[in-house]
Amino acid sequence: MRITILSFGIAKDITGKRFLNWEMTAGASVGELRKSLVESFPRLAELASVRLAVNSEYVPETLELSENDEVALIPPVSGG
């Protein structure tokens, strides 16, 4: 199945793109997607925490993805 990945902040710097089209097997979970992304972009594992939001909502890693889902990679933010 195909999903769209949106990368923000340092996650965008690591992936090199704002938008990625990603292929996963049917029934894959958010956790499996995270693992697949880290395999392709090992520097993602160096981030303290990256939240994944599916279709604009934070979800558990066990959520099963669906065809054409939009997944946002949201790195930790800091500021002052």
N, C-alpha and C. Protein backbone atom coordinates (compact mmCIF):
# COMPACT_ATOMS: atom_id res chain seq x y z
N MET A 1 0.85 -1.17 0.00
CA MET A 1 0.00 0.00 0.00
C MET A 1 0.89 1.23 0.00
N ARG A 2 0.39 2.30 -0.53
CA ARG A 2 1.14 3.53 -0.61
C ARG A 2 0.62 4.53 0.41
N ILE A 3 1.57 5.16 1.11
CA ILE A 3 1.23 6.23 2.05
C ILE A 3 2.12 7.42 1.74
N THR A 4 1.72 8.58 2.21
CA THR A 4 2.50 9.80 2.02
C THR A 4 3.11 10.18 3.35
N ILE A 5 4.41 10.48 3.34
CA ILE A 5 5.13 10.92 4.53
C ILE A 5 5.40 12.41 4.40
N LEU A 6 5.05 13.18 5.42
CA LEU A 6 5.39 14.60 5.49
C LEU A 6 6.46 14.76 6.56
N SER A 7 7.57 15.38 6.22
CA SER A 7 8.68 15.55 7.16
C SER A 7 8.80 17.01 7.57
N PHE A 8 8.97 17.22 8.87
CA PHE A 8 9.10 18.58 9.40
C PHE A 8 10.43 18.72 10.13
N GLY A 9 10.95 19.95 10.19
CA GLY A 9 12.15 20.26 10.97
C GLY A 9 13.33 19.41 10.58
N ILE A 10 14.01 18.89 11.59
CA ILE A 10 15.21 18.10 11.34
C ILE A 10 14.89 16.78 10.62
N ALA A 11 13.66 16.29 10.78
CA ALA A 11 13.26 15.07 10.04
C ALA A 11 13.31 15.34 8.54
N LYS A 12 12.94 16.54 8.14
CA LYS A 12 13.02 16.93 6.72
C LYS A 12 14.48 16.98 6.28
N ASP A 13 15.35 17.51 7.14
CA ASP A 13 16.77 17.55 6.81
C ASP A 13 17.34 16.15 6.64
N ILE A 14 16.90 15.22 7.48
CA ILE A 14 17.41 13.85 7.43
C ILE A 14 16.91 13.12 6.18
N THR A 15 15.62 13.25 5.88
CA THR A 15 15.07 12.55 4.70
C THR A 15 15.43 13.24 3.40
N GLY A 16 15.72 14.54 3.48
CA GLY A 16 16.07 15.29 2.28
C GLY A 16 14.88 15.77 1.49
N LYS A 17 13.69 15.47 1.97
CA LYS A 17 12.47 15.87 1.25
C LYS A 17 11.37 16.20 2.23
N ARG A 18 10.50 17.08 1.80
CA ARG A 18 9.32 17.42 2.60
C ARG A 18 8.24 16.33 2.47
N PHE A 19 8.09 15.79 1.25
CA PHE A 19 7.09 14.76 0.99
C PHE A 19 7.77 13.51 0.44
N LEU A 20 7.36 12.35 0.93
CA LEU A 20 7.85 11.07 0.43
C LEU A 20 6.66 10.17 0.14
N ASN A 21 6.70 9.46 -0.97
CA ASN A 21 5.72 8.40 -1.21
C ASN A 21 6.37 7.12 -0.72
N TRP A 22 5.67 6.39 0.15
CA TRP A 22 6.26 5.24 0.82
C TRP A 22 5.40 4.01 0.60
N GLU A 23 6.03 2.90 0.31
CA GLU A 23 5.31 1.63 0.12
C GLU A 23 5.45 0.77 1.37
N MET A 24 4.35 0.25 1.83
CA MET A 24 4.32 -0.68 2.96
C MET A 24 3.40 -1.84 2.59
N THR A 25 3.58 -2.96 3.28
CA THR A 25 2.68 -4.08 3.05
C THR A 25 1.32 -3.77 3.67
N ALA A 26 0.28 -4.33 3.11
CA ALA A 26 -1.06 -4.12 3.64
C ALA A 26 -1.11 -4.58 5.09
N GLY A 27 -1.76 -3.80 5.94
CA GLY A 27 -1.90 -4.14 7.34
C GLY A 27 -0.73 -3.72 8.21
N ALA A 28 0.25 -3.02 7.64
CA ALA A 28 1.41 -2.58 8.42
C ALA A 28 0.97 -1.57 9.48
N SER A 29 1.67 -1.58 10.60
CA SER A 29 1.35 -0.67 11.70
C SER A 29 2.25 0.57 11.64
N VAL A 30 1.91 1.55 12.45
CA VAL A 30 2.72 2.76 12.56
C VAL A 30 4.12 2.39 13.06
N GLY A 31 4.22 1.46 13.99
CA GLY A 31 5.51 1.01 14.50
C GLY A 31 6.36 0.37 13.41
N GLU A 32 5.73 -0.40 12.54
CA GLU A 32 6.46 -1.01 11.42
C GLU A 32 6.93 0.06 10.44
N LEU A 33 6.12 1.08 10.25
CA LEU A 33 6.52 2.20 9.40
C LEU A 33 7.73 2.90 10.01
N ARG A 34 7.69 3.15 11.31
CA ARG A 34 8.83 3.80 11.98
C ARG A 34 10.11 2.99 11.74
N LYS A 35 10.02 1.68 11.92
CA LYS A 35 11.19 0.81 11.71
C LYS A 35 11.68 0.90 10.26
N SER A 36 10.79 0.89 9.32
CA SER A 36 11.15 0.99 7.91
C SER A 36 11.84 2.32 7.60
N LEU A 37 11.34 3.39 8.20
CA LEU A 37 11.94 4.71 7.98
C LEU A 37 13.35 4.78 8.58
N VAL A 38 13.53 4.21 9.77
CA VAL A 38 14.84 4.22 10.41
C VAL A 38 15.83 3.37 9.61
N GLU A 39 15.35 2.27 9.01
CA GLU A 39 16.23 1.46 8.17
C GLU A 39 16.71 2.25 6.96
N SER A 40 15.84 3.07 6.38
CA SER A 40 16.21 3.87 5.22
C SER A 40 16.94 5.15 5.58
N PHE A 41 16.63 5.69 6.76
CA PHE A 41 17.24 6.95 7.22
C PHE A 41 17.73 6.75 8.66
N PRO A 42 18.88 6.08 8.85
CA PRO A 42 19.36 5.73 10.19
C PRO A 42 19.48 6.92 11.14
N ARG A 43 19.72 8.11 10.64
CA ARG A 43 19.85 9.27 11.53
C ARG A 43 18.56 9.58 12.27
N LEU A 44 17.43 9.11 11.78
CA LEU A 44 16.17 9.32 12.50
C LEU A 44 16.23 8.68 13.89
N ALA A 45 16.97 7.60 14.02
CA ALA A 45 17.08 6.91 15.30
C ALA A 45 17.84 7.75 16.33
N GLU A 46 18.62 8.72 15.86
CA GLU A 46 19.40 9.57 16.76
C GLU A 46 18.54 10.63 17.45
N LEU A 47 17.37 10.90 16.92
CA LEU A 47 16.51 11.91 17.52
C LEU A 47 15.90 11.37 18.81
N ALA A 48 15.83 12.21 19.82
CA ALA A 48 15.30 11.80 21.12
C ALA A 48 13.89 11.23 20.98
N SER A 49 13.06 11.90 20.24
CA SER A 49 11.71 11.41 20.00
C SER A 49 11.15 12.07 18.76
N VAL A 50 10.55 11.27 17.95
CA VAL A 50 9.84 11.76 16.76
C VAL A 50 8.44 11.22 16.86
N ARG A 51 7.46 12.11 16.88
CA ARG A 51 6.06 11.68 16.93
C ARG A 51 5.58 11.43 15.52
N LEU A 52 4.70 10.46 15.36
CA LEU A 52 4.08 10.19 14.08
C LEU A 52 2.59 10.47 14.22
N ALA A 53 2.09 11.28 13.32
CA ALA A 53 0.66 11.59 13.29
C ALA A 53 0.10 11.05 11.98
N VAL A 54 -1.01 10.36 12.07
CA VAL A 54 -1.65 9.80 10.89
C VAL A 54 -2.91 10.60 10.62
N ASN A 55 -2.98 11.16 9.41
CA ASN A 55 -4.13 11.97 9.01
C ASN A 55 -4.45 13.05 10.06
N SER A 56 -3.38 13.74 10.49
CA SER A 56 -3.45 14.89 11.41
C SER A 56 -3.78 14.53 12.86
N GLU A 57 -3.66 13.26 13.24
CA GLU A 57 -3.92 12.87 14.62
C GLU A 57 -2.78 12.01 15.15
N TYR A 58 -2.34 12.31 16.38
CA TYR A 58 -1.36 11.44 17.02
C TYR A 58 -2.02 10.10 17.30
N VAL A 59 -1.30 9.03 17.02
CA VAL A 59 -1.86 7.68 17.14
C VAL A 59 -0.86 6.76 17.83
N PRO A 60 -1.33 5.63 18.36
CA PRO A 60 -0.41 4.66 18.95
C PRO A 60 0.36 3.91 17.85
N GLU A 61 1.50 3.37 18.23
CA GLU A 61 2.35 2.63 17.27
C GLU A 61 1.64 1.39 16.73
N THR A 62 0.61 0.93 17.42
CA THR A 62 -0.09 -0.28 17.00
C THR A 62 -1.15 -0.03 15.93
N LEU A 63 -1.45 1.24 15.65
CA LEU A 63 -2.48 1.55 14.66
C LEU A 63 -2.11 0.96 13.31
N GLU A 64 -3.07 0.31 12.67
CA GLU A 64 -2.88 -0.25 11.35
C GLU A 64 -3.07 0.85 10.31
N LEU A 65 -2.09 0.99 9.43
CA LEU A 65 -2.17 2.01 8.38
C LEU A 65 -3.08 1.54 7.25
N SER A 66 -3.61 2.50 6.52
CA SER A 66 -4.48 2.22 5.37
C SER A 66 -3.91 2.88 4.12
N GLU A 67 -4.28 2.37 2.98
CA GLU A 67 -3.88 2.95 1.70
C GLU A 67 -4.17 4.44 1.69
N ASN A 68 -3.21 5.22 1.20
CA ASN A 68 -3.32 6.68 1.05
C ASN A 68 -3.34 7.46 2.36
N ASP A 69 -2.96 6.83 3.48
CA ASP A 69 -2.82 7.59 4.73
C ASP A 69 -1.71 8.62 4.56
N GLU A 70 -1.82 9.70 5.31
CA GLU A 70 -0.80 10.73 5.34
C GLU A 70 -0.17 10.71 6.73
N VAL A 71 1.12 10.45 6.79
CA VAL A 71 1.82 10.33 8.06
C VAL A 71 2.83 11.47 8.19
N ALA A 72 2.72 12.23 9.28
CA ALA A 72 3.64 13.33 9.53
C ALA A 72 4.70 12.90 10.53
N LEU A 73 5.98 13.21 10.20
CA LEU A 73 7.09 12.99 11.11
C LEU A 73 7.34 14.31 11.83
N ILE A 74 7.06 14.32 13.12
CA ILE A 74 7.13 15.56 13.89
C ILE A 74 8.23 15.41 14.94
N PRO A 75 9.37 16.09 14.71
CA PRO A 75 10.47 16.00 15.66
C PRO A 75 10.19 16.85 16.89
N PRO A 76 10.98 16.64 17.96
CA PRO A 76 10.81 17.48 19.14
C PRO A 76 11.11 18.94 18.79
N VAL A 77 10.43 19.84 19.46
CA VAL A 77 10.61 21.26 19.18
C VAL A 77 11.16 21.95 20.44
N SER A 78 11.98 22.94 20.22
CA SER A 78 12.45 23.73 21.34
C SER A 78 12.45 25.18 20.93
N GLY A 79 12.44 26.02 21.87
CA GLY A 79 12.43 27.43 21.54
C GLY A 79 12.52 28.25 22.81
N GLY A 80 12.46 29.53 22.62
CA GLY A 80 12.57 30.36 23.79
C GLY A 80 11.84 31.64 23.61
